[in-house]
Amino acid sequence: GSIAQQIKLMNSLVQPEESLFDLRRFWEHCVACALIADRLVKRKLLPLSKPLPFSDYWIGSLLHDCGKLVLGFFFWDHFDRLANLSTGAQINFREAESRLGDVVSHEQLGQLLMMRAPMREDLARCVGTHHQPGSIPSSLLALVNFADNLCKDLGMGTLVEERGEYDAAVLRVLGVTQERVEVIRDGLGQAAVQEVMDIVDRCTAST
């Protein structure tokens, strides 16, 4: 119910017809990130040093890319340039932002939205640094970053060509080897993908 309310609210914004922003794919990625983060915690697939509150990792992962929503709805011409550069140069979206000299990234836009909500500082910081977790990321940030990359490897990135790029510091904090990444990814598999599709179908119906 909470997901449906948030999606329907954001979908009520006006999206220009000429924008390349794929709203459906955006929600598939965000819902997948939240669902996978929940699977990782509930099934104890990661040796977390301490429990993480459900509301923290659910909100952080569901809304981690909310800055892209702002770009896609209100700065669609710039979003198109970023998407085309990312696809053409085979680089991730954040690298495309850097190459175009963006003063404010989608991460920072998302952090500003979280601060205005208002959300707790650690949640806002998690959204604002989910691509650049630093050398000692918090468990929350590491989980969101890891789930984000798993989504991309499962074909549920916001851009079709995206693939996971696993950060060494994140893997160290989570106590996960590269071999373990593959085991977790394969274990989640198509069952998780289908569940995400079903959830997004229900949440976007009649919007």
N, C-alpha and C. Protein backbone atom coordinates (compact mmCIF):
# COMPACT_ATOMS: atom_id res chain seq x y z
N GLY A 1 0.82 -1.20 0.00
CA GLY A 1 0.00 0.00 0.00
C GLY A 1 0.86 1.26 0.00
N SER A 2 1.94 1.23 0.80
CA SER A 2 2.84 2.38 0.87
C SER A 2 3.51 2.62 -0.48
N ILE A 3 3.97 1.54 -1.13
CA ILE A 3 4.59 1.68 -2.44
C ILE A 3 3.60 2.27 -3.43
N ALA A 4 2.39 1.75 -3.44
CA ALA A 4 1.38 2.20 -4.40
C ALA A 4 1.09 3.69 -4.23
N GLN A 5 0.95 4.14 -2.98
CA GLN A 5 0.68 5.55 -2.73
C GLN A 5 1.82 6.43 -3.24
N GLN A 6 3.06 6.02 -2.97
CA GLN A 6 4.20 6.83 -3.39
C GLN A 6 4.32 6.88 -4.91
N ILE A 7 4.09 5.74 -5.56
CA ILE A 7 4.19 5.69 -7.01
C ILE A 7 3.08 6.51 -7.66
N LYS A 8 1.86 6.35 -7.19
CA LYS A 8 0.75 7.10 -7.77
C LYS A 8 0.93 8.60 -7.58
N LEU A 9 1.48 9.01 -6.43
CA LEU A 9 1.72 10.43 -6.19
C LEU A 9 2.74 10.97 -7.17
N MET A 10 3.87 10.29 -7.31
CA MET A 10 4.92 10.78 -8.20
C MET A 10 4.50 10.69 -9.67
N ASN A 11 3.70 9.68 -10.02
CA ASN A 11 3.25 9.54 -11.39
C ASN A 11 2.25 10.62 -11.78
N SER A 12 1.70 11.33 -10.78
CA SER A 12 0.74 12.39 -11.08
C SER A 12 1.42 13.65 -11.59
N LEU A 13 2.76 13.73 -11.47
CA LEU A 13 3.50 14.85 -12.03
C LEU A 13 3.42 14.80 -13.56
N VAL A 14 3.64 15.93 -14.20
CA VAL A 14 3.53 16.00 -15.65
C VAL A 14 4.85 15.60 -16.29
N GLN A 15 4.83 14.55 -17.10
CA GLN A 15 6.01 14.12 -17.84
C GLN A 15 5.85 14.52 -19.30
N PRO A 16 6.76 15.33 -19.83
CA PRO A 16 6.65 15.75 -21.23
C PRO A 16 6.72 14.56 -22.18
N GLU A 17 5.89 14.58 -23.22
CA GLU A 17 5.84 13.46 -24.14
C GLU A 17 7.17 13.24 -24.86
N GLU A 18 7.94 14.32 -25.05
CA GLU A 18 9.19 14.19 -25.80
C GLU A 18 10.34 13.65 -24.95
N SER A 19 10.12 13.44 -23.66
CA SER A 19 11.19 12.93 -22.80
C SER A 19 11.43 11.45 -23.06
N LEU A 20 12.70 11.05 -23.05
CA LEU A 20 13.06 9.64 -23.16
C LEU A 20 12.96 8.92 -21.82
N PHE A 21 12.59 9.64 -20.77
CA PHE A 21 12.54 9.05 -19.44
C PHE A 21 11.48 7.96 -19.39
N ASP A 22 11.92 6.74 -19.08
CA ASP A 22 11.03 5.58 -19.03
C ASP A 22 10.54 5.41 -17.60
N LEU A 23 9.34 5.92 -17.34
CA LEU A 23 8.80 5.92 -15.97
C LEU A 23 8.57 4.50 -15.46
N ARG A 24 8.09 3.65 -16.34
CA ARG A 24 7.85 2.26 -15.95
C ARG A 24 9.16 1.59 -15.54
N ARG A 25 10.19 1.76 -16.35
CA ARG A 25 11.47 1.12 -16.03
C ARG A 25 12.07 1.72 -14.76
N PHE A 26 11.88 3.02 -14.55
CA PHE A 26 12.35 3.66 -13.33
C PHE A 26 11.77 2.97 -12.10
N TRP A 27 10.44 2.72 -12.12
CA TRP A 27 9.81 2.09 -10.97
C TRP A 27 10.20 0.63 -10.83
N GLU A 28 10.41 -0.05 -11.95
CA GLU A 28 10.89 -1.43 -11.86
C GLU A 28 12.21 -1.48 -11.11
N HIS A 29 13.11 -0.55 -11.45
CA HIS A 29 14.41 -0.53 -10.80
C HIS A 29 14.30 -0.20 -9.31
N CYS A 30 13.52 0.82 -8.98
CA CYS A 30 13.42 1.25 -7.59
C CYS A 30 12.74 0.21 -6.71
N VAL A 31 11.64 -0.36 -7.20
CA VAL A 31 10.95 -1.41 -6.44
C VAL A 31 11.85 -2.64 -6.31
N ALA A 32 12.56 -2.97 -7.38
CA ALA A 32 13.49 -4.11 -7.32
C ALA A 32 14.57 -3.88 -6.27
N CYS A 33 15.09 -2.67 -6.21
CA CYS A 33 16.14 -2.36 -5.24
C CYS A 33 15.62 -2.55 -3.82
N ALA A 34 14.40 -2.07 -3.55
CA ALA A 34 13.81 -2.21 -2.22
C ALA A 34 13.52 -3.68 -1.90
N LEU A 35 12.96 -4.39 -2.86
CA LEU A 35 12.62 -5.80 -2.64
C LEU A 35 13.87 -6.64 -2.42
N ILE A 36 14.90 -6.40 -3.22
CA ILE A 36 16.14 -7.17 -3.09
C ILE A 36 16.84 -6.84 -1.77
N ALA A 37 16.85 -5.58 -1.38
CA ALA A 37 17.43 -5.22 -0.07
C ALA A 37 16.71 -5.98 1.04
N ASP A 38 15.39 -6.07 0.93
CA ASP A 38 14.61 -6.79 1.93
C ASP A 38 14.94 -8.28 1.92
N ARG A 39 15.10 -8.86 0.74
CA ARG A 39 15.48 -10.27 0.64
C ARG A 39 16.85 -10.52 1.27
N LEU A 40 17.78 -9.62 1.00
CA LEU A 40 19.13 -9.78 1.53
C LEU A 40 19.14 -9.78 3.06
N VAL A 41 18.30 -8.93 3.65
CA VAL A 41 18.24 -8.83 5.11
C VAL A 41 17.44 -9.97 5.71
N LYS A 42 16.23 -10.18 5.20
CA LYS A 42 15.32 -11.16 5.80
C LYS A 42 15.84 -12.59 5.66
N ARG A 43 16.50 -12.87 4.54
CA ARG A 43 17.02 -14.23 4.33
C ARG A 43 18.45 -14.40 4.84
N LYS A 44 18.95 -13.35 5.48
CA LYS A 44 20.30 -13.38 6.07
C LYS A 44 21.35 -13.78 5.03
N LEU A 45 21.24 -13.19 3.86
CA LEU A 45 22.20 -13.47 2.79
C LEU A 45 23.49 -12.68 2.96
N LEU A 46 23.47 -11.70 3.85
CA LEU A 46 24.65 -10.89 4.14
C LEU A 46 24.96 -10.98 5.63
N PRO A 47 26.23 -11.11 6.00
CA PRO A 47 26.60 -11.16 7.42
C PRO A 47 26.67 -9.76 8.03
N LEU A 48 25.51 -9.09 8.15
CA LEU A 48 25.48 -7.72 8.67
C LEU A 48 25.92 -7.72 10.14
N SER A 49 26.71 -6.70 10.48
CA SER A 49 27.26 -6.63 11.84
C SER A 49 26.19 -6.30 12.88
N LYS A 50 25.12 -5.60 12.45
CA LYS A 50 24.01 -5.28 13.36
C LYS A 50 22.73 -5.15 12.53
N PRO A 51 21.58 -5.37 13.18
CA PRO A 51 20.31 -5.30 12.44
C PRO A 51 20.06 -3.90 11.88
N LEU A 52 19.45 -3.86 10.71
CA LEU A 52 19.05 -2.58 10.10
C LEU A 52 17.53 -2.47 10.16
N PRO A 53 17.00 -1.33 10.62
CA PRO A 53 15.55 -1.16 10.65
C PRO A 53 14.95 -1.27 9.25
N PHE A 54 13.84 -1.99 9.14
CA PHE A 54 13.18 -2.19 7.85
C PHE A 54 12.88 -0.85 7.17
N SER A 55 12.31 0.09 7.92
CA SER A 55 11.91 1.36 7.30
C SER A 55 13.10 2.11 6.71
N ASP A 56 14.28 1.97 7.33
CA ASP A 56 15.46 2.68 6.83
C ASP A 56 15.91 2.13 5.48
N TYR A 57 16.11 0.81 5.42
CA TYR A 57 16.63 0.28 4.15
C TYR A 57 15.54 0.24 3.08
N TRP A 58 14.27 0.16 3.48
CA TRP A 58 13.20 0.16 2.48
C TRP A 58 13.08 1.54 1.83
N ILE A 59 13.03 2.58 2.64
CA ILE A 59 12.92 3.94 2.09
C ILE A 59 14.18 4.31 1.32
N GLY A 60 15.35 4.00 1.90
CA GLY A 60 16.60 4.35 1.25
C GLY A 60 16.75 3.71 -0.12
N SER A 61 16.37 2.43 -0.23
CA SER A 61 16.51 1.73 -1.51
C SER A 61 15.40 2.09 -2.48
N LEU A 62 14.17 2.26 -2.01
CA LEU A 62 13.07 2.61 -2.90
C LEU A 62 13.25 3.99 -3.52
N LEU A 63 13.80 4.91 -2.74
CA LEU A 63 13.92 6.30 -3.20
C LEU A 63 15.35 6.70 -3.57
N HIS A 64 16.27 5.74 -3.68
CA HIS A 64 17.67 6.11 -3.90
C HIS A 64 17.88 6.88 -5.21
N ASP A 65 17.06 6.65 -6.21
CA ASP A 65 17.23 7.32 -7.51
C ASP A 65 16.19 8.40 -7.75
N CYS A 66 15.58 8.93 -6.68
CA CYS A 66 14.51 9.91 -6.88
C CYS A 66 15.01 11.17 -7.59
N GLY A 67 16.33 11.43 -7.54
CA GLY A 67 16.88 12.56 -8.29
C GLY A 67 16.72 12.40 -9.79
N LYS A 68 16.73 11.14 -10.28
CA LYS A 68 16.52 10.90 -11.71
C LYS A 68 15.09 11.25 -12.11
N LEU A 69 14.17 11.07 -11.18
CA LEU A 69 12.79 11.43 -11.45
C LEU A 69 12.67 12.93 -11.72
N VAL A 70 13.39 13.72 -10.94
CA VAL A 70 13.40 15.17 -11.14
C VAL A 70 13.97 15.51 -12.52
N LEU A 71 15.08 14.87 -12.89
CA LEU A 71 15.69 15.11 -14.19
C LEU A 71 14.76 14.71 -15.32
N GLY A 72 14.13 13.54 -15.18
CA GLY A 72 13.28 13.03 -16.24
C GLY A 72 12.00 13.80 -16.45
N PHE A 73 11.48 14.41 -15.37
CA PHE A 73 10.23 15.16 -15.47
C PHE A 73 10.44 16.64 -15.79
N PHE A 74 11.48 17.24 -15.25
CA PHE A 74 11.61 18.69 -15.34
C PHE A 74 12.80 19.17 -16.15
N PHE A 75 13.79 18.29 -16.36
CA PHE A 75 14.97 18.64 -17.16
C PHE A 75 15.19 17.54 -18.19
N TRP A 76 14.11 17.21 -18.91
CA TRP A 76 14.12 16.02 -19.76
C TRP A 76 15.13 16.09 -20.89
N ASP A 77 15.38 17.29 -21.42
CA ASP A 77 16.36 17.39 -22.50
C ASP A 77 17.76 17.03 -22.00
N HIS A 78 18.07 17.45 -20.78
CA HIS A 78 19.36 17.11 -20.20
C HIS A 78 19.42 15.63 -19.85
N PHE A 79 18.31 15.08 -19.33
CA PHE A 79 18.28 13.65 -19.04
C PHE A 79 18.53 12.85 -20.31
N ASP A 80 17.96 13.27 -21.42
CA ASP A 80 18.17 12.57 -22.69
C ASP A 80 19.64 12.57 -23.09
N ARG A 81 20.31 13.72 -22.90
CA ARG A 81 21.73 13.80 -23.21
C ARG A 81 22.52 12.82 -22.34
N LEU A 82 22.19 12.76 -21.06
CA LEU A 82 22.87 11.85 -20.15
C LEU A 82 22.63 10.39 -20.54
N ALA A 83 21.39 10.05 -20.85
CA ALA A 83 21.06 8.67 -21.21
C ALA A 83 21.77 8.27 -22.50
N ASN A 84 21.78 9.17 -23.48
CA ASN A 84 22.43 8.86 -24.75
C ASN A 84 23.94 8.70 -24.59
N LEU A 85 24.55 9.57 -23.76
CA LEU A 85 25.99 9.47 -23.52
C LEU A 85 26.32 8.17 -22.79
N SER A 86 25.52 7.84 -21.79
CA SER A 86 25.75 6.62 -21.02
C SER A 86 25.69 5.40 -21.93
N THR A 87 24.68 5.36 -22.80
CA THR A 87 24.52 4.23 -23.70
C THR A 87 25.62 4.19 -24.76
N GLY A 88 25.87 5.34 -25.38
CA GLY A 88 26.84 5.39 -26.47
C GLY A 88 28.26 5.12 -26.03
N ALA A 89 28.64 5.63 -24.86
CA ALA A 89 30.01 5.46 -24.36
C ALA A 89 30.16 4.25 -23.45
N GLN A 90 29.03 3.56 -23.20
CA GLN A 90 29.02 2.38 -22.33
C GLN A 90 29.61 2.71 -20.96
N ILE A 91 29.11 3.77 -20.38
CA ILE A 91 29.50 4.18 -19.04
C ILE A 91 28.24 4.29 -18.19
N ASN A 92 28.42 4.31 -16.86
CA ASN A 92 27.24 4.43 -16.01
C ASN A 92 26.72 5.86 -16.00
N PHE A 93 25.51 6.02 -15.49
CA PHE A 93 24.83 7.31 -15.52
C PHE A 93 25.62 8.37 -14.76
N ARG A 94 26.19 7.97 -13.62
CA ARG A 94 26.95 8.92 -12.80
C ARG A 94 28.19 9.40 -13.53
N GLU A 95 28.86 8.52 -14.27
CA GLU A 95 30.03 8.92 -15.05
C GLU A 95 29.62 9.87 -16.17
N ALA A 96 28.46 9.62 -16.77
CA ALA A 96 27.95 10.53 -17.81
C ALA A 96 27.72 11.92 -17.23
N GLU A 97 27.19 11.99 -16.02
CA GLU A 97 27.00 13.29 -15.37
C GLU A 97 28.34 14.00 -15.19
N SER A 98 29.35 13.26 -14.77
CA SER A 98 30.67 13.85 -14.58
C SER A 98 31.24 14.38 -15.89
N ARG A 99 31.09 13.60 -16.96
CA ARG A 99 31.64 14.01 -18.25
C ARG A 99 30.96 15.27 -18.79
N LEU A 100 29.68 15.42 -18.48
CA LEU A 100 28.97 16.61 -18.95
C LEU A 100 29.14 17.79 -17.99
N GLY A 101 29.95 17.58 -16.95
CA GLY A 101 30.26 18.67 -16.04
C GLY A 101 29.12 19.12 -15.16
N ASP A 102 28.24 18.19 -14.79
CA ASP A 102 27.09 18.55 -13.95
C ASP A 102 27.56 19.08 -12.60
N VAL A 103 27.03 20.21 -12.22
CA VAL A 103 27.33 20.78 -10.91
C VAL A 103 26.60 20.00 -9.83
N VAL A 104 25.38 19.56 -10.15
CA VAL A 104 24.57 18.79 -9.20
C VAL A 104 24.20 17.46 -9.87
N SER A 105 24.53 16.36 -9.23
CA SER A 105 24.22 15.03 -9.77
C SER A 105 22.82 14.59 -9.35
N HIS A 106 22.36 13.49 -9.93
CA HIS A 106 21.05 12.97 -9.52
C HIS A 106 21.08 12.52 -8.06
N GLU A 107 22.24 12.08 -7.59
CA GLU A 107 22.37 11.73 -6.17
C GLU A 107 22.11 12.94 -5.27
N GLN A 108 22.72 14.06 -5.63
CA GLN A 108 22.57 15.26 -4.81
C GLN A 108 21.16 15.83 -4.90
N LEU A 109 20.55 15.74 -6.09
CA LEU A 109 19.15 16.15 -6.22
C LEU A 109 18.27 15.30 -5.30
N GLY A 110 18.55 14.00 -5.29
CA GLY A 110 17.79 13.11 -4.43
C GLY A 110 17.98 13.43 -2.96
N GLN A 111 19.21 13.76 -2.60
CA GLN A 111 19.48 14.12 -1.20
C GLN A 111 18.72 15.38 -0.80
N LEU A 112 18.68 16.35 -1.69
CA LEU A 112 17.93 17.58 -1.41
C LEU A 112 16.44 17.29 -1.21
N LEU A 113 15.88 16.40 -2.04
CA LEU A 113 14.48 16.02 -1.88
C LEU A 113 14.25 15.35 -0.53
N MET A 114 15.16 14.47 -0.15
CA MET A 114 15.04 13.77 1.13
C MET A 114 15.12 14.75 2.30
N MET A 115 15.99 15.74 2.16
CA MET A 115 16.12 16.74 3.23
C MET A 115 14.87 17.59 3.34
N ARG A 116 14.20 17.84 2.21
CA ARG A 116 12.99 18.65 2.22
C ARG A 116 11.79 17.86 2.73
N ALA A 117 11.89 16.52 2.76
CA ALA A 117 10.74 15.68 3.06
C ALA A 117 10.06 15.93 4.41
N PRO A 118 10.73 16.02 5.56
CA PRO A 118 12.16 15.82 5.79
C PRO A 118 12.43 14.38 6.26
N MET A 119 13.54 13.84 5.81
CA MET A 119 13.99 12.53 6.26
C MET A 119 15.20 12.71 7.17
N ARG A 120 15.54 11.66 7.91
CA ARG A 120 16.70 11.74 8.78
C ARG A 120 17.96 11.97 7.96
N GLU A 121 18.95 12.55 8.59
CA GLU A 121 20.18 12.92 7.91
C GLU A 121 20.88 11.71 7.30
N ASP A 122 20.92 10.58 8.03
CA ASP A 122 21.62 9.42 7.50
C ASP A 122 20.92 8.84 6.27
N LEU A 123 19.58 8.92 6.21
CA LEU A 123 18.85 8.46 5.04
C LEU A 123 19.10 9.37 3.84
N ALA A 124 19.08 10.68 4.10
CA ALA A 124 19.35 11.64 3.04
C ALA A 124 20.76 11.46 2.50
N ARG A 125 21.72 11.22 3.39
CA ARG A 125 23.11 11.03 2.97
C ARG A 125 23.26 9.73 2.19
N CYS A 126 22.52 8.70 2.56
CA CYS A 126 22.55 7.43 1.85
C CYS A 126 22.12 7.63 0.39
N VAL A 127 21.03 8.35 0.18
CA VAL A 127 20.56 8.64 -1.18
C VAL A 127 21.59 9.49 -1.93
N GLY A 128 22.19 10.43 -1.22
CA GLY A 128 23.12 11.37 -1.85
C GLY A 128 24.49 10.80 -2.18
N THR A 129 24.80 9.60 -1.68
CA THR A 129 26.13 9.02 -1.93
C THR A 129 26.05 7.56 -2.38
N HIS A 130 24.91 7.13 -2.90
CA HIS A 130 24.75 5.70 -3.18
C HIS A 130 25.65 5.20 -4.32
N HIS A 131 26.20 6.11 -5.13
CA HIS A 131 27.17 5.70 -6.16
C HIS A 131 28.61 5.93 -5.71
N GLN A 132 28.79 6.73 -4.69
CA GLN A 132 30.13 7.04 -4.18
C GLN A 132 30.16 6.81 -2.68
N PRO A 133 30.18 5.55 -2.27
CA PRO A 133 30.02 5.22 -0.85
C PRO A 133 31.23 5.53 0.03
N GLY A 134 32.38 5.83 -0.58
CA GLY A 134 33.56 6.15 0.22
C GLY A 134 34.27 4.91 0.72
N SER A 135 35.30 5.12 1.51
CA SER A 135 36.15 4.01 1.95
C SER A 135 35.56 3.23 3.13
N ILE A 136 34.68 3.88 3.93
CA ILE A 136 34.06 3.19 5.07
C ILE A 136 32.56 3.50 5.07
N PRO A 137 31.82 2.91 4.15
CA PRO A 137 30.38 3.18 4.09
C PRO A 137 29.65 2.58 5.28
N SER A 138 28.54 3.19 5.67
CA SER A 138 27.70 2.61 6.71
C SER A 138 27.06 1.34 6.17
N SER A 139 26.55 0.51 7.07
CA SER A 139 25.88 -0.73 6.65
C SER A 139 24.67 -0.41 5.77
N LEU A 140 23.94 0.66 6.11
CA LEU A 140 22.78 1.06 5.32
C LEU A 140 23.19 1.45 3.91
N LEU A 141 24.18 2.29 3.78
CA LEU A 141 24.66 2.73 2.47
C LEU A 141 25.19 1.54 1.67
N ALA A 142 25.94 0.67 2.33
CA ALA A 142 26.50 -0.49 1.65
C ALA A 142 25.38 -1.40 1.12
N LEU A 143 24.33 -1.59 1.91
CA LEU A 143 23.22 -2.43 1.49
C LEU A 143 22.51 -1.84 0.28
N VAL A 144 22.22 -0.54 0.31
CA VAL A 144 21.53 0.11 -0.81
C VAL A 144 22.39 0.05 -2.08
N ASN A 145 23.67 0.33 -1.93
CA ASN A 145 24.58 0.27 -3.07
C ASN A 145 24.63 -1.15 -3.67
N PHE A 146 24.71 -2.14 -2.80
CA PHE A 146 24.80 -3.53 -3.24
C PHE A 146 23.51 -3.96 -3.94
N ALA A 147 22.37 -3.63 -3.35
CA ALA A 147 21.08 -3.98 -3.96
C ALA A 147 20.90 -3.29 -5.30
N ASP A 148 21.33 -2.05 -5.39
CA ASP A 148 21.26 -1.29 -6.65
C ASP A 148 22.02 -2.01 -7.75
N ASN A 149 23.22 -2.48 -7.45
CA ASN A 149 24.04 -3.16 -8.45
C ASN A 149 23.49 -4.54 -8.80
N LEU A 150 22.93 -5.24 -7.83
CA LEU A 150 22.30 -6.53 -8.12
C LEU A 150 21.14 -6.35 -9.09
N CYS A 151 20.36 -5.29 -8.89
CA CYS A 151 19.24 -5.00 -9.79
C CYS A 151 19.72 -4.87 -11.23
N LYS A 152 20.80 -4.15 -11.41
CA LYS A 152 21.32 -3.94 -12.76
C LYS A 152 21.78 -5.26 -13.37
N ASP A 153 22.42 -6.11 -12.59
CA ASP A 153 22.86 -7.41 -13.10
C ASP A 153 21.67 -8.31 -13.46
N LEU A 154 20.52 -8.07 -12.82
CA LEU A 154 19.32 -8.85 -13.11
C LEU A 154 18.49 -8.22 -14.22
N GLY A 155 19.05 -7.20 -14.87
CA GLY A 155 18.37 -6.56 -15.99
C GLY A 155 17.33 -5.54 -15.59
N MET A 156 17.43 -5.03 -14.36
CA MET A 156 16.44 -4.07 -13.88
C MET A 156 17.09 -2.74 -13.50
N GLY A 157 17.96 -2.26 -14.39
CA GLY A 157 18.52 -0.93 -14.22
C GLY A 157 17.58 0.10 -14.82
N THR A 158 17.82 1.37 -14.53
CA THR A 158 16.96 2.39 -15.13
C THR A 158 17.27 2.56 -16.61
N LEU A 159 18.47 2.14 -17.04
CA LEU A 159 18.81 2.08 -18.46
C LEU A 159 19.06 0.61 -18.81
N VAL A 160 18.64 0.21 -20.00
CA VAL A 160 18.66 -1.20 -20.38
C VAL A 160 20.06 -1.80 -20.29
N GLU A 161 21.08 -1.03 -20.68
CA GLU A 161 22.43 -1.58 -20.80
C GLU A 161 23.20 -1.61 -19.48
N GLU A 162 22.63 -1.06 -18.41
CA GLU A 162 23.37 -0.96 -17.14
C GLU A 162 23.71 -2.34 -16.56
N ARG A 163 24.89 -2.44 -15.99
CA ARG A 163 25.30 -3.64 -15.28
C ARG A 163 25.94 -3.23 -13.95
N GLY A 164 25.95 -4.14 -13.01
CA GLY A 164 26.46 -3.84 -11.69
C GLY A 164 27.95 -3.56 -11.68
N GLU A 165 28.35 -2.58 -10.87
CA GLU A 165 29.76 -2.27 -10.66
C GLU A 165 29.99 -2.27 -9.14
N TYR A 166 30.49 -3.37 -8.64
CA TYR A 166 30.55 -3.58 -7.19
C TYR A 166 31.76 -2.89 -6.57
N ASP A 167 31.49 -2.10 -5.57
CA ASP A 167 32.52 -1.32 -4.89
C ASP A 167 33.24 -2.19 -3.86
N ALA A 168 34.57 -2.12 -3.87
CA ALA A 168 35.37 -2.95 -2.98
C ALA A 168 35.08 -2.65 -1.51
N ALA A 169 34.92 -1.37 -1.17
CA ALA A 169 34.65 -1.00 0.22
C ALA A 169 33.28 -1.52 0.66
N VAL A 170 32.31 -1.50 -0.24
CA VAL A 170 30.98 -2.02 0.07
C VAL A 170 31.04 -3.51 0.34
N LEU A 171 31.73 -4.24 -0.53
CA LEU A 171 31.85 -5.68 -0.33
C LEU A 171 32.57 -6.00 0.98
N ARG A 172 33.56 -5.19 1.31
CA ARG A 172 34.30 -5.42 2.56
C ARG A 172 33.40 -5.20 3.77
N VAL A 173 32.62 -4.13 3.76
CA VAL A 173 31.72 -3.84 4.89
C VAL A 173 30.67 -4.93 5.03
N LEU A 174 30.18 -5.43 3.90
CA LEU A 174 29.14 -6.46 3.94
C LEU A 174 29.70 -7.86 4.15
N GLY A 175 31.03 -8.01 4.05
CA GLY A 175 31.64 -9.31 4.23
C GLY A 175 31.33 -10.26 3.08
N VAL A 176 31.34 -9.72 1.85
CA VAL A 176 30.95 -10.51 0.67
C VAL A 176 32.11 -10.56 -0.32
N THR A 177 32.39 -11.74 -0.83
CA THR A 177 33.40 -11.90 -1.88
C THR A 177 32.73 -11.78 -3.25
N GLN A 178 33.53 -11.61 -4.29
CA GLN A 178 32.98 -11.53 -5.64
C GLN A 178 32.28 -12.84 -6.01
N GLU A 179 32.82 -13.96 -5.54
CA GLU A 179 32.18 -15.25 -5.81
C GLU A 179 30.82 -15.32 -5.13
N ARG A 180 30.72 -14.77 -3.93
CA ARG A 180 29.46 -14.77 -3.20
C ARG A 180 28.42 -13.87 -3.89
N VAL A 181 28.89 -12.80 -4.51
CA VAL A 181 27.99 -11.92 -5.27
C VAL A 181 27.25 -12.74 -6.32
N GLU A 182 27.98 -13.57 -7.03
CA GLU A 182 27.39 -14.37 -8.11
C GLU A 182 26.39 -15.38 -7.55
N VAL A 183 26.70 -15.96 -6.40
CA VAL A 183 25.79 -16.93 -5.78
C VAL A 183 24.49 -16.23 -5.38
N ILE A 184 24.60 -15.07 -4.76
CA ILE A 184 23.41 -14.32 -4.34
C ILE A 184 22.58 -13.91 -5.54
N ARG A 185 23.24 -13.38 -6.56
CA ARG A 185 22.53 -12.94 -7.77
C ARG A 185 21.78 -14.10 -8.41
N ASP A 186 22.45 -15.23 -8.56
CA ASP A 186 21.81 -16.38 -9.20
C ASP A 186 20.67 -16.93 -8.34
N GLY A 187 20.83 -16.83 -7.02
CA GLY A 187 19.78 -17.32 -6.13
C GLY A 187 18.52 -16.48 -6.20
N LEU A 188 18.67 -15.17 -6.38
CA LEU A 188 17.51 -14.28 -6.50
C LEU A 188 16.82 -14.52 -7.85
N GLY A 189 17.60 -14.47 -8.91
CA GLY A 189 17.17 -14.87 -10.24
C GLY A 189 15.86 -14.30 -10.73
N GLN A 190 15.23 -15.05 -11.63
CA GLN A 190 14.03 -14.60 -12.32
C GLN A 190 12.80 -14.53 -11.41
N ALA A 191 12.82 -15.26 -10.31
CA ALA A 191 11.69 -15.19 -9.39
C ALA A 191 11.54 -13.78 -8.84
N ALA A 192 12.66 -13.16 -8.48
CA ALA A 192 12.62 -11.78 -7.98
C ALA A 192 12.19 -10.82 -9.07
N VAL A 193 12.67 -11.04 -10.29
CA VAL A 193 12.30 -10.17 -11.41
C VAL A 193 10.80 -10.22 -11.64
N GLN A 194 10.23 -11.41 -11.66
CA GLN A 194 8.80 -11.55 -11.92
C GLN A 194 7.97 -10.92 -10.81
N GLU A 195 8.43 -11.07 -9.57
CA GLU A 195 7.69 -10.47 -8.45
C GLU A 195 7.68 -8.95 -8.57
N VAL A 196 8.81 -8.38 -8.97
CA VAL A 196 8.89 -6.93 -9.16
C VAL A 196 7.91 -6.49 -10.25
N MET A 197 7.90 -7.20 -11.37
CA MET A 197 6.99 -6.86 -12.47
C MET A 197 5.54 -6.87 -12.00
N ASP A 198 5.19 -7.88 -11.21
CA ASP A 198 3.81 -7.99 -10.71
C ASP A 198 3.46 -6.83 -9.79
N ILE A 199 4.40 -6.45 -8.91
CA ILE A 199 4.16 -5.34 -7.99
C ILE A 199 3.98 -4.04 -8.76
N VAL A 200 4.86 -3.79 -9.72
CA VAL A 200 4.78 -2.54 -10.49
C VAL A 200 3.51 -2.51 -11.34
N ASP A 201 3.10 -3.66 -11.87
CA ASP A 201 1.83 -3.73 -12.62
C ASP A 201 0.67 -3.27 -11.74
N ARG A 202 0.63 -3.77 -10.51
CA ARG A 202 -0.47 -3.43 -9.60
C ARG A 202 -0.41 -1.96 -9.19
N CYS A 203 0.80 -1.47 -8.94
CA CYS A 203 0.95 -0.11 -8.43
C CYS A 203 0.77 0.96 -9.50
N THR A 204 0.97 0.61 -10.74
CA THR A 204 0.85 1.62 -11.81
C THR A 204 -0.46 1.48 -12.58
N ALA A 205 -1.30 0.56 -12.17
CA ALA A 205 -2.58 0.39 -12.86
C ALA A 205 -3.42 1.65 -12.75
N SER A 206 -3.99 2.07 -13.86
CA SER A 206 -4.88 3.23 -13.93
C SER A 206 -4.20 4.52 -13.52
N THR A 207 -2.87 4.68 -13.80
CA THR A 207 -2.18 5.93 -13.51
C THR A 207 -1.90 6.64 -14.82
